Protein backbone atom coordinates (compact mmCIF):
# COMPACT_ATOMS: atom_id res chain seq x y z
CA MET A 1 15.46 35.79 -13.11
CA SER A 2 14.54 34.16 -16.40
CA ASN A 3 17.15 36.21 -18.27
CA TYR A 4 19.76 35.19 -15.70
CA LEU A 5 18.95 31.51 -16.17
CA LEU A 6 19.10 31.90 -19.92
CA SER A 7 22.52 33.47 -19.61
CA ILE A 8 24.00 30.62 -17.54
CA GLN A 9 22.46 27.66 -19.33
CA ASP A 10 25.35 27.65 -21.82
CA TYR A 11 27.90 27.09 -19.05
CA SER A 12 28.98 23.74 -17.69
CA PHE A 13 30.80 22.39 -14.65
CA LEU A 14 32.67 19.08 -14.53
CA SER A 15 31.26 18.08 -17.94
CA LEU A 16 27.66 18.78 -16.84
CA ASP A 17 25.66 21.76 -18.06
CA LEU A 18 24.60 24.05 -15.24
CA ILE A 19 20.98 24.13 -16.36
CA HIS A 20 18.69 23.21 -19.23
CA LEU A 21 15.91 25.73 -18.66
CA ASP A 22 13.15 23.99 -20.61
CA ASN A 23 13.95 20.59 -19.12
CA PHE A 24 14.12 22.06 -15.63
CA LYS A 25 10.71 23.69 -15.98
CA GLU A 26 9.26 20.41 -17.24
CA LEU A 27 10.84 18.57 -14.30
CA LEU A 28 9.28 20.98 -11.81
CA LEU A 29 5.82 20.74 -13.37
CA ARG A 30 5.82 16.96 -13.62
CA PHE A 31 7.32 16.57 -10.17
CA ALA A 32 4.64 18.82 -8.67
CA LEU A 33 1.90 16.80 -10.40
CA ASN A 34 3.39 13.49 -9.29
CA VAL A 35 3.95 14.52 -5.67
CA THR A 36 0.43 15.94 -5.45
CA VAL A 37 -1.21 12.76 -6.74
CA VAL A 38 1.01 10.45 -4.67
CA THR A 39 0.41 12.49 -1.51
CA ILE A 40 -3.36 12.30 -1.98
CA ILE A 41 -3.24 8.53 -2.51
CA VAL A 42 -0.85 7.77 0.33
CA ARG A 43 -1.72 10.37 2.97
CA VAL A 44 -5.41 11.04 2.30
CA LEU A 45 -6.68 7.66 1.04
CA TYR A 46 -4.30 4.99 2.34
CA TYR A 47 -3.03 6.19 5.72
CA PRO A 48 -6.38 6.99 7.45
CA VAL A 49 -7.42 3.38 6.78
CA ALA A 50 -4.19 1.47 7.42
CA ARG A 51 -2.46 3.71 10.00
CA ARG A 52 0.93 2.34 8.93
CA LYS A 53 3.63 5.00 9.18
CA ASP A 54 6.29 2.60 7.92
CA TYR A 55 4.48 2.15 4.61
CA LEU A 56 3.68 5.86 4.45
CA PHE A 57 7.41 6.59 4.66
CA SER A 58 8.32 3.91 2.11
CA PHE A 59 5.61 4.75 -0.42
CA MET A 60 6.49 8.43 -0.56
CA LEU A 61 10.24 7.93 -0.92
CA ILE A 62 9.98 5.07 -3.42
CA SER A 63 7.59 7.09 -5.58
CA VAL A 64 9.85 10.15 -5.60
CA LEU A 65 12.90 8.00 -6.31
CA ILE A 66 11.23 6.16 -9.20
CA PHE A 67 10.02 9.43 -10.72
CA LEU A 68 13.41 11.13 -10.57
CA LEU A 69 15.19 8.01 -11.77
CA CYS A 70 12.93 7.62 -14.79
CA PHE A 71 12.87 11.33 -15.65
CA LEU A 72 16.62 11.88 -15.39
CA LEU A 73 17.51 8.68 -17.24
CA GLU A 74 15.05 9.30 -20.06
CA SER A 75 17.81 11.08 -21.99
CA VAL A 76 19.86 7.86 -22.03
CA LYS A 77 17.10 5.88 -23.77
CA LEU A 78 15.54 4.33 -20.70
CA GLN A 79 13.22 1.57 -21.85
CA ILE A 80 9.73 1.27 -20.39
CA GLY A 81 10.38 -2.41 -19.68
CA PHE A 82 13.27 -1.46 -17.43
CA ALA A 83 11.08 1.10 -15.67
CA PHE A 84 8.47 -1.51 -14.82
CA GLY A 85 11.27 -3.93 -14.01
CA LEU A 86 11.90 -1.71 -11.03
CA PHE A 87 8.58 -2.90 -9.65
CA ALA A 88 9.73 -6.50 -9.97
CA ILE A 89 12.84 -5.65 -7.97
CA PHE A 90 10.82 -4.11 -5.16
CA GLY A 91 8.21 -6.83 -5.44
CA ILE A 92 10.65 -9.60 -4.49
CA ILE A 93 12.25 -7.65 -1.65
CA ARG A 94 12.10 -9.31 1.74
CA TYR A 95 13.21 -7.35 4.79
CA ARG A 96 13.97 -10.60 6.67
CA THR A 97 10.59 -10.24 8.40
CA LEU A 98 7.06 -10.70 7.08
CA SER A 99 6.29 -10.36 3.39
CA ILE A 100 4.48 -7.23 2.23
CA PRO A 101 0.67 -7.70 2.34
CA ILE A 102 -1.11 -7.86 -1.01
CA LYS A 103 -2.92 -4.54 -0.48
CA GLU A 104 0.34 -2.73 0.25
CA MET A 105 1.90 -4.36 -2.81
CA THR A 106 -1.01 -3.07 -4.88
CA TYR A 107 -0.52 0.44 -3.56
CA LEU A 108 3.20 0.15 -4.28
CA PHE A 109 2.50 -0.90 -7.86
CA ILE A 110 0.03 2.00 -8.30
CA LEU A 111 2.56 4.53 -7.02
CA ILE A 112 5.38 3.14 -9.16
CA GLY A 113 3.10 3.10 -12.20
CA ILE A 114 2.01 6.70 -11.67
CA SER A 115 5.59 7.83 -11.18
CA VAL A 116 6.72 6.05 -14.35
CA ILE A 117 3.84 7.54 -16.36
CA ASN A 118 4.47 11.07 -15.10
CA ALA A 119 8.20 10.80 -15.72
CA LEU A 120 8.27 9.10 -19.14
CA ALA A 121 5.24 10.62 -20.89
CA ASN A 122 6.68 11.91 -24.16
CA LYS A 123 5.68 14.76 -26.45
CA LYS A 124 3.02 12.62 -28.11
CA ILE A 125 1.04 12.81 -24.86
CA SER A 126 -0.58 16.12 -23.95
CA TRP A 127 -0.86 17.60 -20.48
CA ALA A 128 -4.61 17.03 -20.68
CA GLU A 129 -4.09 13.30 -21.19
CA LEU A 130 -1.49 13.14 -18.43
CA VAL A 131 -3.67 14.96 -15.90
CA PHE A 132 -6.69 12.86 -16.94
CA THR A 133 -4.73 9.66 -16.28
CA ASN A 134 -3.72 10.82 -12.81
CA VAL A 135 -7.26 11.97 -11.94
CA VAL A 136 -8.77 8.67 -13.12
CA LEU A 137 -6.37 6.71 -10.93
CA LEU A 138 -7.19 8.96 -7.98
CA PHE A 139 -10.92 8.41 -8.38
CA LEU A 140 -10.46 4.65 -8.78
CA VAL A 141 -8.44 4.39 -5.57
CA TYR A 142 -10.91 6.64 -3.75
CA GLY A 143 -13.91 4.68 -5.02
CA LEU A 144 -12.48 1.30 -4.09
CA GLU A 145 -11.12 2.39 -0.72
CA ARG A 146 -13.88 4.67 0.55
CA LEU A 147 -17.08 3.95 -1.39
CA TRP A 148 -17.15 0.35 -2.55
CA LEU A 149 -15.15 -1.33 0.22
CA LEU A 150 -17.17 0.22 3.04
CA LYS A 151 -16.40 -2.53 5.52
CA HIS A 152 -13.19 -4.36 6.24
CA GLU A 153 -13.38 -7.76 7.83
CA SER A 154 -10.82 -7.95 10.61
CA THR A 155 -9.64 -11.08 12.36
CA LYS A 156 -8.62 -11.96 15.90
CA ALA A 157 -7.15 -15.19 17.19
CA ILE A 158 -8.55 -16.50 20.46
CA ILE A 159 -7.48 -19.41 22.65
CA PHE A 160 -10.80 -20.82 23.89
CA GLU A 161 -11.08 -23.28 26.78
CA LYS A 162 -14.71 -24.46 26.44
CA ILE A 163 -14.05 -27.04 23.75
CA ASP A 164 -17.48 -28.57 24.24
CA LEU A 165 -18.85 -25.51 22.37
CA VAL A 166 -16.75 -26.07 19.23
CA LYS A 167 -19.12 -28.75 18.00
CA PRO A 168 -21.02 -27.84 14.79
CA GLU A 169 -24.43 -28.09 16.45
CA LYS A 170 -23.36 -25.54 19.11
CA ARG A 171 -21.98 -22.95 16.71
CA GLU A 172 -24.56 -20.28 17.63
CA GLU A 173 -23.96 -20.82 21.33
CA LEU A 174 -20.21 -20.51 20.72
CA LYS A 175 -20.74 -17.28 18.79
CA LYS A 176 -22.80 -15.74 21.61
CA GLU A 177 -20.18 -16.75 24.17
CA LEU A 178 -17.37 -15.17 22.14
CA GLU A 179 -19.38 -11.99 21.53
CA ALA A 180 -20.04 -11.67 25.25
CA ARG A 181 -16.35 -12.07 26.06
CA THR A 182 -14.89 -9.87 23.32
CA GLY A 183 -17.64 -7.27 22.92
CA LEU A 184 -17.42 -7.72 19.16
CA LYS A 185 -20.22 -8.30 16.67
CA ILE A 186 -18.82 -11.47 15.12
CA ASN A 187 -19.50 -12.15 11.46
CA ARG A 188 -18.13 -15.69 11.23
CA ILE A 189 -15.96 -18.16 13.13
CA ASP A 190 -13.22 -20.55 12.04
CA ILE A 191 -12.17 -23.41 14.32
CA GLY A 192 -8.45 -24.09 14.29
CA LYS A 193 -6.34 -26.59 16.19
CA ILE A 194 -8.04 -28.36 19.09
CA ASP A 195 -5.84 -29.51 21.99
CA TYR A 196 -7.71 -32.12 24.00
CA LEU A 197 -4.81 -32.50 26.44
CA ARG A 198 -5.09 -28.85 27.48
CA ASP A 199 -8.81 -28.52 26.74
CA THR A 200 -8.24 -25.53 24.48
CA ALA A 201 -9.01 -24.63 20.89
CA ARG A 202 -7.67 -21.96 18.56
CA ILE A 203 -10.52 -19.94 17.12
CA MET A 204 -10.38 -17.19 14.49
CA VAL A 205 -13.21 -14.69 14.86
CA HIS A 206 -14.02 -12.43 11.92
CA TYR A 207 -15.78 -9.12 12.45
CA TYR A 208 -16.30 -5.79 10.70
CA GLU A 209 -14.30 -2.86 12.04
CA GLU A 210 -16.28 0.29 12.71
CA GLY A 211 -15.29 3.33 10.65
CA ASN A 212 -13.15 1.19 8.34
CA GLN A 213 -10.21 1.58 10.74
CA ILE A 214 -7.92 -1.44 10.77
CA ASN A 215 -4.64 -2.42 12.33
CA MET A 216 -2.88 -4.64 9.83
CA ALA A 217 0.04 -5.42 12.13
CA ASP A 218 -2.33 -6.85 14.75
CA GLU A 219 -4.14 -8.87 12.10
CA ARG A 220 -0.90 -10.43 10.85
CA ASP A 221 0.15 -11.25 14.42
CA ASN A 222 -3.24 -12.87 15.06
CA ALA A 223 -3.03 -14.87 11.84
CA TYR A 224 0.42 -16.16 12.69
CA ALA A 225 -0.61 -16.91 16.26
CA ALA A 226 -3.58 -18.92 15.04
CA GLY A 227 -1.56 -20.85 12.49
CA GLY A 228 1.46 -21.65 14.64
CA ASP A 229 1.99 -24.82 16.57
CA ASP A 230 2.15 -25.08 20.34
CA ASP A 231 5.54 -25.59 21.84
CA ASP A 232 5.99 -29.13 23.04
């Protein structure tokens, strides 16, 4: 097989060489390293916590695209500033809905950075240094996501009708009432807009999710619901 590839690498089709054997081998090795690291970060570390399939889809494809783009354009003197400029492009993207949460933006930056490093590492950088860089990033993400940040404080918005309990001196009584109704172990409470005409108050309850499982979509909806104004 190797002899066959060597025999055809001198041929071209439509002004493109059929194969550059050494470059192709390097592409396969780097691509395998990059996909392995990205898959561990996205599927093993990120997804079990966030449970967001839309970001799982986007992270994987963006990472692969950035890697291939950087690797294939390296031969045309791709500058590292342009490579990181790709992050700026994605960073200002708005899908005409909600903006990307800061944690997802951080993951996106990590994945783009890893892909750029794996694609543009030149001959001055050894495989040992390249693998070490990827492993260090893996351990940092793992440590921050699974070891250090053991608890995630989630938030729910509640429309509460007993406005007599929103007084500062009745804060503990309010907390017990909310815990009895929601079944949650509440960490802290924020009082939002109080409507004396309807005898209701918007309250944000903060609590720690068990097992570090969170639903970011619900949290954003709650945050927007708590911050919005009532329709007149």
